[in-house]
Amino acid sequence: ISVNSVESVPRHAARTPTLPPATHTNSYALGERDVVLVEPATPYDDERRRWLEWAREFPSRGQRLVALLLTHHHADHVAGAEFFADALGLPIWAHAQTAARLPELAIDRRLAEGDVIDLDGPTPQRWDVLHTPGHAPGHVCLFEAALGAVVVGDMVASEGTILIAPGDGDMARYLVELQRLEALGARVALPAHGAHIEEPSTLFAPYVRHRLMREAKILSAIRS
């Protein structure tokens, strides 16, 4: 993907209570005039101030903030949601299963598989909502075909690894959704942790192979 295309999706990394070695969660600003801010993540006062400064740059340039969007319910992705929604006067969007796990938050729009987020601008953007459970029941990714960009939340990372935890996690579904993301043929993935990932299909497939290799080792140990 061209540098210009990557830069068309601004990123802000804020320190969050995430799993080492990652220390920060990326927020993304989708859209050229209408702007949706993904991952209102940080609970820390100093980081919140910097996040708000970043967010308020968009209206100062004549852009319109539309909403805050949660990829899923984990604390390192949502800890600033209520604070930022109040400070900026914005609604919060999330999948219904994410909303169910965050009863203290007012979720204004429940996203679902097949929804489209149309963002007006000099070059309009059309982000398809993909429900991608596995890491979390309400996890969503966002794909913009013209940009060739996919916001992947915690499906993959370029820093650290992805935990599929008992309760929230479903390994079989996670592998299915990774294969689905691979089939998109995206030119860049925008993860919640670490730098953007060029040619992400070359990463999705190894993730699947690695998890299946682990499973095979466990089955072999059980058999022996």
C-alpha atoms as a PDB file:
ATOM      1  CA  ILE A   1       0.000   0.000   0.000  1.00  0.00           C
ATOM      2  CA  SER A   2       1.254   3.499  -0.690  1.00  0.00           C
ATOM      3  CA  VAL A   3       2.480   5.752   2.104  1.00  0.00           C
ATOM      4  CA  ASN A   4      -0.344   8.180   1.282  1.00  0.00           C
ATOM      5  CA  SER A   5      -2.938   5.474   1.862  1.00  0.00           C
ATOM      6  CA  VAL A   6      -1.458   4.596   5.252  1.00  0.00           C
ATOM      7  CA  GLU A   7      -1.345   8.257   6.232  1.00  0.00           C
ATOM      8  CA  SER A   8      -4.995   8.632   5.250  1.00  0.00           C
ATOM      9  CA  VAL A   9      -5.811   6.631   8.404  1.00  0.00           C
ATOM     10  CA  PRO A  10      -4.249   8.684  11.235  1.00  0.00           C
ATOM     11  CA  ARG A  11      -3.124   6.752  14.296  1.00  0.00           C
ATOM     12  CA  HIS A  12      -2.616   7.740  17.931  1.00  0.00           C
ATOM     13  CA  ALA A  13      -0.914   5.318  20.341  1.00  0.00           C
ATOM     14  CA  ALA A  14      -1.857   5.741  24.024  1.00  0.00           C
ATOM     15  CA  ARG A  15      -0.471   3.925  27.039  1.00  0.00           C
ATOM     16  CA  THR A  16      -2.997   1.388  28.348  1.00  0.00           C
ATOM     17  CA  PRO A  17      -3.200  -1.538  30.826  1.00  0.00           C
ATOM     18  CA  THR A  18      -2.549  -4.067  28.072  1.00  0.00           C
ATOM     19  CA  LEU A  19      -0.560  -7.317  28.065  1.00  0.00           C
ATOM     20  CA  PRO A  20       3.261  -7.116  27.820  1.00  0.00           C
ATOM     21  CA  PRO A  21       5.289  -6.718  25.711  1.00  0.00           C
ATOM     22  CA  ALA A  22       2.710  -4.287  24.294  1.00  0.00           C
ATOM     23  CA  THR A  23       2.333  -1.099  26.323  1.00  0.00           C
ATOM     24  CA  HIS A  24       0.061   1.020  24.113  1.00  0.00           C
ATOM     25  CA  THR A  25      -3.219   0.704  22.219  1.00  0.00           C
ATOM     26  CA  ASN A  26      -3.639   2.347  18.820  1.00  0.00           C
ATOM     27  CA  SER A  27      -6.631   4.524  18.069  1.00  0.00           C
ATOM     28  CA  TYR A  28      -7.479   5.249  14.420  1.00  0.00           C
ATOM     29  CA  ALA A  29      -9.330   8.132  12.801  1.00  0.00           C
ATOM     30  CA  LEU A  30     -11.348   6.832   9.841  1.00  0.00           C
ATOM     31  CA  GLY A  31     -12.591   9.262   7.205  1.00  0.00           C
ATOM     32  CA  GLU A  32     -11.436  12.430   5.473  1.00  0.00           C
ATOM     33  CA  ARG A  33     -14.310  14.776   6.457  1.00  0.00           C
ATOM     34  CA  ASP A  34     -16.649  12.669   8.579  1.00  0.00           C
ATOM     35  CA  VAL A  35     -14.407  10.975  11.147  1.00  0.00           C
ATOM     36  CA  VAL A  36     -14.992   7.927  13.355  1.00  0.00           C
ATOM     37  CA  LEU A  37     -12.478   7.398  16.163  1.00  0.00           C
ATOM     38  CA  VAL A  38     -11.746   3.720  16.838  1.00  0.00           C
ATOM     39  CA  GLU A  39     -10.545   2.461  20.269  1.00  0.00           C
ATOM     40  CA  PRO A  40     -11.142   5.125  22.979  1.00  0.00           C
ATOM     41  CA  ALA A  41      -8.714   3.150  25.058  1.00  0.00           C
ATOM     42  CA  THR A  42      -6.766   4.851  27.809  1.00  0.00           C
ATOM     43  CA  PRO A  43      -7.718   5.235  31.498  1.00  0.00           C
ATOM     44  CA  TYR A  44      -4.728   7.441  32.412  1.00  0.00           C
ATOM     45  CA  ASP A  45      -5.217  11.181  32.905  1.00  0.00           C
ATOM     46  CA  ASP A  46      -2.038  12.301  31.125  1.00  0.00           C
ATOM     47  CA  GLU A  47      -2.735  10.015  28.188  1.00  0.00           C
ATOM     48  CA  ARG A  48      -6.354  11.172  28.035  1.00  0.00           C
ATOM     49  CA  ARG A  49      -5.225  14.773  27.716  1.00  0.00           C
ATOM     50  CA  ARG A  50      -3.001  13.859  24.783  1.00  0.00           C
ATOM     51  CA  TRP A  51      -5.765  11.749  23.221  1.00  0.00           C
ATOM     52  CA  LEU A  52      -8.217  14.652  23.435  1.00  0.00           C
ATOM     53  CA  GLU A  53      -5.664  17.002  21.866  1.00  0.00           C
ATOM     54  CA  TRP A  54      -5.315  14.534  18.982  1.00  0.00           C
ATOM     55  CA  ALA A  55      -9.107  14.148  18.618  1.00  0.00           C
ATOM     56  CA  ARG A  56      -9.750  17.882  18.661  1.00  0.00           C
ATOM     57  CA  GLU A  57      -7.296  18.469  15.819  1.00  0.00           C
ATOM     58  CA  PHE A  58      -9.882  17.074  13.400  1.00  0.00           C
ATOM     59  CA  PRO A  59     -12.646  19.675  14.019  1.00  0.00           C
ATOM     60  CA  SER A  60      -9.988  22.388  14.004  1.00  0.00           C
ATOM     61  CA  ARG A  61      -9.292  21.389  10.385  1.00  0.00           C
ATOM     62  CA  GLY A  62     -12.964  21.466   9.406  1.00  0.00           C
ATOM     63  CA  GLN A  63     -13.606  17.755   9.896  1.00  0.00           C
ATOM     64  CA  ARG A  64     -16.620  16.428  11.775  1.00  0.00           C
ATOM     65  CA  LEU A  65     -16.316  13.848  14.528  1.00  0.00           C
ATOM     66  CA  VAL A  66     -19.120  11.313  14.136  1.00  0.00           C
ATOM     67  CA  ALA A  67     -18.663   8.608  16.781  1.00  0.00           C
ATOM     68  CA  LEU A  68     -16.382   6.534  18.978  1.00  0.00           C
ATOM     69  CA  LEU A  69     -16.171   2.891  17.918  1.00  0.00           C
ATOM     70  CA  LEU A  70     -15.176  -0.083  20.086  1.00  0.00           C
ATOM     71  CA  THR A  71     -13.701  -3.167  18.420  1.00  0.00           C
ATOM     72  CA  HIS A  72     -14.462  -5.210  21.562  1.00  0.00           C
ATOM     73  CA  HIS A  73     -14.982  -4.938  25.312  1.00  0.00           C
ATOM     74  CA  HIS A  74     -11.511  -5.494  26.812  1.00  0.00           C
ATOM     75  CA  ALA A  75     -10.296  -2.778  29.175  1.00  0.00           C
ATOM     76  CA  ASP A  76      -7.286  -1.779  27.065  1.00  0.00           C
ATOM     77  CA  HIS A  77      -9.727  -0.822  24.294  1.00  0.00           C
ATOM     78  CA  VAL A  78     -12.596   0.850  26.122  1.00  0.00           C
ATOM     79  CA  ALA A  79     -11.269   2.384  29.348  1.00  0.00           C
ATOM     80  CA  GLY A  80     -11.633   5.928  28.024  1.00  0.00           C
ATOM     81  CA  ALA A  81     -14.934   5.476  26.202  1.00  0.00           C
ATOM     82  CA  GLU A  82     -17.282   7.199  28.647  1.00  0.00           C
ATOM     83  CA  PHE A  83     -14.785   9.992  29.372  1.00  0.00           C
ATOM     84  CA  PHE A  84     -14.142  10.765  25.711  1.00  0.00           C
ATOM     85  CA  ALA A  85     -17.813  10.463  24.748  1.00  0.00           C
ATOM     86  CA  ASP A  86     -18.684  13.067  27.380  1.00  0.00           C
ATOM     87  CA  ALA A  87     -15.750  15.342  26.570  1.00  0.00           C
ATOM     88  CA  LEU A  88     -16.418  15.315  22.817  1.00  0.00           C
ATOM     89  CA  GLY A  89     -20.194  14.905  22.820  1.00  0.00           C
ATOM     90  CA  LEU A  90     -20.010  11.744  20.725  1.00  0.00           C
ATOM     91  CA  PRO A  91     -22.078   8.555  20.567  1.00  0.00           C
ATOM     92  CA  ILE A  92     -20.475   5.154  21.130  1.00  0.00           C
ATOM     93  CA  TRP A  93     -20.801   2.346  18.592  1.00  0.00           C
ATOM     94  CA  ALA A  94     -20.142  -1.340  19.323  1.00  0.00           C
ATOM     95  CA  HIS A  95     -21.424  -4.835  18.604  1.00  0.00           C
ATOM     96  CA  ALA A  96     -24.379  -6.013  20.687  1.00  0.00           C
ATOM     97  CA  GLN A  97     -22.248  -8.642  22.434  1.00  0.00           C
ATOM     98  CA  THR A  98     -19.756  -5.941  23.383  1.00  0.00           C
ATOM     99  CA  ALA A  99     -22.579  -3.755  24.675  1.00  0.00           C
ATOM    100  CA  ALA A 100     -23.841  -6.652  26.795  1.00  0.00           C
ATOM    101  CA  ARG A 101     -20.438  -6.896  28.477  1.00  0.00           C
ATOM    102  CA  LEU A 102     -20.290  -3.163  29.178  1.00  0.00           C
ATOM    103  CA  PRO A 103     -23.611  -2.464  30.915  1.00  0.00           C
ATOM    104  CA  GLU A 104     -22.225   0.754  32.420  1.00  0.00           C
ATOM    105  CA  LEU A 105     -21.749   2.282  28.961  1.00  0.00           C
ATOM    106  CA  ALA A 106     -24.493   3.808  26.842  1.00  0.00           C
ATOM    107  CA  ILE A 107     -23.982   2.190  23.429  1.00  0.00           C
ATOM    108  CA  ASP A 108     -25.830   4.338  20.902  1.00  0.00           C
ATOM    109  CA  ARG A 109     -25.462   2.111  17.848  1.00  0.00           C
ATOM    110  CA  ARG A 110     -25.145  -1.655  17.846  1.00  0.00           C
ATOM    111  CA  LEU A 111     -22.980  -2.740  14.958  1.00  0.00           C
ATOM    112  CA  ALA A 112     -23.670  -5.997  13.155  1.00  0.00           C
ATOM    113  CA  GLU A 113     -22.187  -8.118  10.412  1.00  0.00           C
ATOM    114  CA  GLY A 114     -22.965  -6.527   7.060  1.00  0.00           C
ATOM    115  CA  ASP A 115     -23.365  -2.982   8.366  1.00  0.00           C
ATOM    116  CA  VAL A 116     -21.627  -0.259   6.375  1.00  0.00           C
ATOM    117  CA  ILE A 117     -20.169   2.939   7.811  1.00  0.00           C
ATOM    118  CA  ASP A 118     -20.289   5.590   5.072  1.00  0.00           C
ATOM    119  CA  LEU A 119     -18.022   8.559   5.725  1.00  0.00           C
ATOM    120  CA  ASP A 120     -18.344  11.623   3.524  1.00  0.00           C
ATOM    121  CA  GLY A 121     -15.282  13.534   2.382  1.00  0.00           C
ATOM    122  CA  PRO A 122     -13.176  14.542  -0.632  1.00  0.00           C
ATOM    123  CA  THR A 123     -12.711  10.817  -1.121  1.00  0.00           C
ATOM    124  CA  PRO A 124     -15.708   9.116   0.525  1.00  0.00           C
ATOM    125  CA  GLN A 125     -14.909   6.035   2.575  1.00  0.00           C
ATOM    126  CA  ARG A 126     -17.087   2.961   2.966  1.00  0.00           C
ATOM    127  CA  TRP A 127     -16.098   0.736   5.891  1.00  0.00           C
ATOM    128  CA  ASP A 128     -17.695  -2.711   6.014  1.00  0.00           C
ATOM    129  CA  VAL A 129     -18.351  -4.079   9.497  1.00  0.00           C
ATOM    130  CA  LEU A 130     -17.154  -7.657   9.958  1.00  0.00           C
ATOM    131  CA  HIS A 131     -18.185  -9.551  13.091  1.00  0.00           C
ATOM    132  CA  THR A 132     -15.028 -11.520  13.940  1.00  0.00           C
ATOM    133  CA  PRO A 133     -15.432 -13.352  17.265  1.00  0.00           C
ATOM    134  CA  GLY A 134     -12.752 -15.630  18.611  1.00  0.00           C
ATOM    135  CA  HIS A 135     -10.653 -13.250  20.667  1.00  0.00           C
ATOM    136  CA  ALA A 136     -13.829 -11.708  22.105  1.00  0.00           C
ATOM    137  CA  PRO A 137     -17.502 -12.518  21.399  1.00  0.00           C
ATOM    138  CA  GLY A 138     -18.370  -9.052  20.097  1.00  0.00           C
ATOM    139  CA  HIS A 139     -15.133  -8.350  18.246  1.00  0.00           C
ATOM    140  CA  VAL A 140     -15.517  -6.413  14.996  1.00  0.00           C
ATOM    141  CA  CYS A 141     -13.091  -5.542  12.217  1.00  0.00           C
ATOM    142  CA  LEU A 142     -13.596  -2.817   9.606  1.00  0.00           C
ATOM    143  CA  PHE A 143     -12.627  -3.160   5.936  1.00  0.00           C
ATOM    144  CA  GLU A 144     -12.360  -0.392   3.352  1.00  0.00           C
ATOM    145  CA  ALA A 145     -11.951  -2.071  -0.032  1.00  0.00           C
ATOM    146  CA  ALA A 146     -10.855   1.025  -1.969  1.00  0.00           C
ATOM    147  CA  LEU A 147      -8.088   1.724   0.539  1.00  0.00           C
ATOM    148  CA  GLY A 148      -7.286  -1.947   0.881  1.00  0.00           C
ATOM    149  CA  ALA A 149      -7.184  -1.331   4.637  1.00  0.00           C
ATOM    150  CA  VAL A 150      -8.612  -3.448   7.444  1.00  0.00           C
ATOM    151  CA  VAL A 151      -8.828  -2.364  11.083  1.00  0.00           C
ATOM    152  CA  VAL A 152      -8.172  -5.618  12.937  1.00  0.00           C
ATOM    153  CA  GLY A 153      -8.392  -4.736  16.644  1.00  0.00           C
ATOM    154  CA  ASP A 154      -6.938  -7.698  18.508  1.00  0.00           C
ATOM    155  CA  MET A 155      -7.212 -10.313  15.765  1.00  0.00           C
ATOM    156  CA  VAL A 156      -3.488  -9.948  15.062  1.00  0.00           C
ATOM    157  CA  ALA A 157      -0.726  -7.686  16.351  1.00  0.00           C
ATOM    158  CA  SER A 158       2.686  -6.575  15.197  1.00  0.00           C
ATOM    159  CA  GLU A 159       3.734  -6.322  18.857  1.00  0.00           C
ATOM    160  CA  GLY A 160       3.166  -9.148  21.311  1.00  0.00           C
ATOM    161  CA  THR A 161       0.729 -11.991  20.751  1.00  0.00           C
ATOM    162  CA  ILE A 162      -3.033 -12.545  20.867  1.00  0.00           C
ATOM    163  CA  LEU A 163      -4.568 -14.216  23.910  1.00  0.00           C
ATOM    164  CA  ILE A 164      -7.527 -16.513  23.339  1.00  0.00           C
ATOM    165  CA  ALA A 165      -8.708 -16.667  26.933  1.00  0.00           C
ATOM    166  CA  PRO A 166     -11.191 -19.093  28.496  1.00  0.00           C
ATOM    167  CA  GLY A 167     -14.591 -17.459  28.733  1.00  0.00           C
ATOM    168  CA  ASP A 168     -14.151 -14.735  26.128  1.00  0.00           C
ATOM    169  CA  GLY A 169     -12.164 -16.801  23.661  1.00  0.00           C
ATOM    170  CA  ASP A 170     -13.096 -19.421  21.080  1.00  0.00           C
ATOM    171  CA  MET A 171     -10.062 -20.828  19.296  1.00  0.00           C
ATOM    172  CA  ALA A 172     -11.967 -22.656  16.552  1.00  0.00           C
ATOM    173  CA  ARG A 173     -13.915 -19.529  15.646  1.00  0.00           C
ATOM    174  CA  TYR A 174     -10.779 -17.389  15.886  1.00  0.00           C
ATOM    175  CA  LEU A 175      -9.043 -19.537  13.261  1.00  0.00           C
ATOM    176  CA  VAL A 176     -12.079 -19.355  10.962  1.00  0.00           C
ATOM    177  CA  GLU A 177     -12.123 -15.564  11.239  1.00  0.00           C
ATOM    178  CA  LEU A 178      -8.380 -15.300  10.551  1.00  0.00           C
ATOM    179  CA  GLN A 179      -8.931 -17.260   7.339  1.00  0.00           C
ATOM    180  CA  ARG A 180     -11.757 -14.908   6.463  1.00  0.00           C
ATOM    181  CA  LEU A 181      -9.512 -11.878   6.997  1.00  0.00           C
ATOM    182  CA  GLU A 182      -6.836 -13.479   4.832  1.00  0.00           C
ATOM    183  CA  ALA A 183      -9.353 -13.904   2.009  1.00  0.00           C
ATOM    184  CA  LEU A 184     -10.042 -10.151   1.949  1.00  0.00           C
ATOM    185  CA  GLY A 185      -6.709  -9.568   0.216  1.00  0.00           C
ATOM    186  CA  ALA A 186      -6.165  -6.341   2.167  1.00  0.00           C
ATOM    187  CA  ARG A 187      -3.003  -4.389   1.465  1.00  0.00           C
ATOM    188  CA  VAL A 188      -2.569  -3.172   5.030  1.00  0.00           C
ATOM    189  CA  ALA A 189      -3.871  -4.186   8.454  1.00  0.00           C
ATOM    190  CA  LEU A 190      -4.240  -1.633  11.231  1.00  0.00           C
ATOM    191  CA  PRO A 191      -3.827  -3.464  14.548  1.00  0.00           C
ATOM    192  CA  ALA A 192      -4.547  -2.222  18.047  1.00  0.00           C
ATOM    193  CA  HIS A 193      -0.994  -3.012  19.131  1.00  0.00           C
ATOM    194  CA  GLY A 194       2.134  -2.185  17.140  1.00  0.00           C
ATOM    195  CA  ALA A 195       2.793  -0.727  13.711  1.00  0.00           C
ATOM    196  CA  HIS A 196       0.630  -1.206  10.621  1.00  0.00           C
ATOM    197  CA  ILE A 197       1.100  -4.522   8.831  1.00  0.00           C
ATOM    198  CA  GLU A 198       1.703  -4.470   5.095  1.00  0.00           C
ATOM    199  CA  GLU A 199       0.483  -7.453   3.054  1.00  0.00           C
ATOM    200  CA  PRO A 200      -1.318  -8.857   6.121  1.00  0.00           C
ATOM    201  CA  SER A 201      -2.421 -12.041   4.361  1.00  0.00           C
ATOM    202  CA  THR A 202       1.167 -13.205   4.816  1.00  0.00           C
ATOM    203  CA  LEU A 203       0.584 -12.891   8.580  1.00  0.00           C
ATOM    204  CA  PHE A 204      -2.928 -14.319   8.917  1.00  0.00           C
ATOM    205  CA  ALA A 205      -1.937 -17.706   7.449  1.00  0.00           C
ATOM    206  CA  PRO A 206       1.100 -18.180   9.753  1.00  0.00           C
ATOM    207  CA  TYR A 207      -1.093 -17.300  12.752  1.00  0.00           C
ATOM    208  CA  VAL A 208      -3.410 -20.158  11.785  1.00  0.00           C
ATOM    209  CA  ARG A 209      -0.533 -22.586  11.208  1.00  0.00           C
ATOM    210  CA  HIS A 210       1.056 -21.676  14.534  1.00  0.00           C
ATOM    211  CA  ARG A 211      -2.122 -22.287  16.510  1.00  0.00           C
ATOM    212  CA  LEU A 212      -2.747 -25.602  14.732  1.00  0.00           C
ATOM    213  CA  MET A 213       0.846 -26.644  15.461  1.00  0.00           C
ATOM    214  CA  ARG A 214       0.250 -25.975  19.166  1.00  0.00           C
ATOM    215  CA  GLU A 215      -2.966 -27.996  19.019  1.00  0.00           C
ATOM    216  CA  ALA A 216      -1.180 -30.907  17.335  1.00  0.00           C
ATOM    217  CA  LYS A 217       1.456 -30.939  20.089  1.00  0.00           C
ATOM    218  CA  ILE A 218      -1.256 -31.117  22.753  1.00  0.00           C
ATOM    219  CA  LEU A 219      -3.092 -33.931  20.961  1.00  0.00           C
ATOM    220  CA  SER A 220       0.177 -35.814  20.531  1.00  0.00           C
ATOM    221  CA  ALA A 221       0.925 -35.474  24.245  1.00  0.00           C
ATOM    222  CA  ILE A 222      -2.553 -36.735  25.120  1.00  0.00           C
ATOM    223  CA  ARG A 223      -2.201 -39.729  22.820  1.00  0.00           C
ATOM    224  CA  SER A 224       1.167 -40.663  24.282  1.00  0.00           C
END
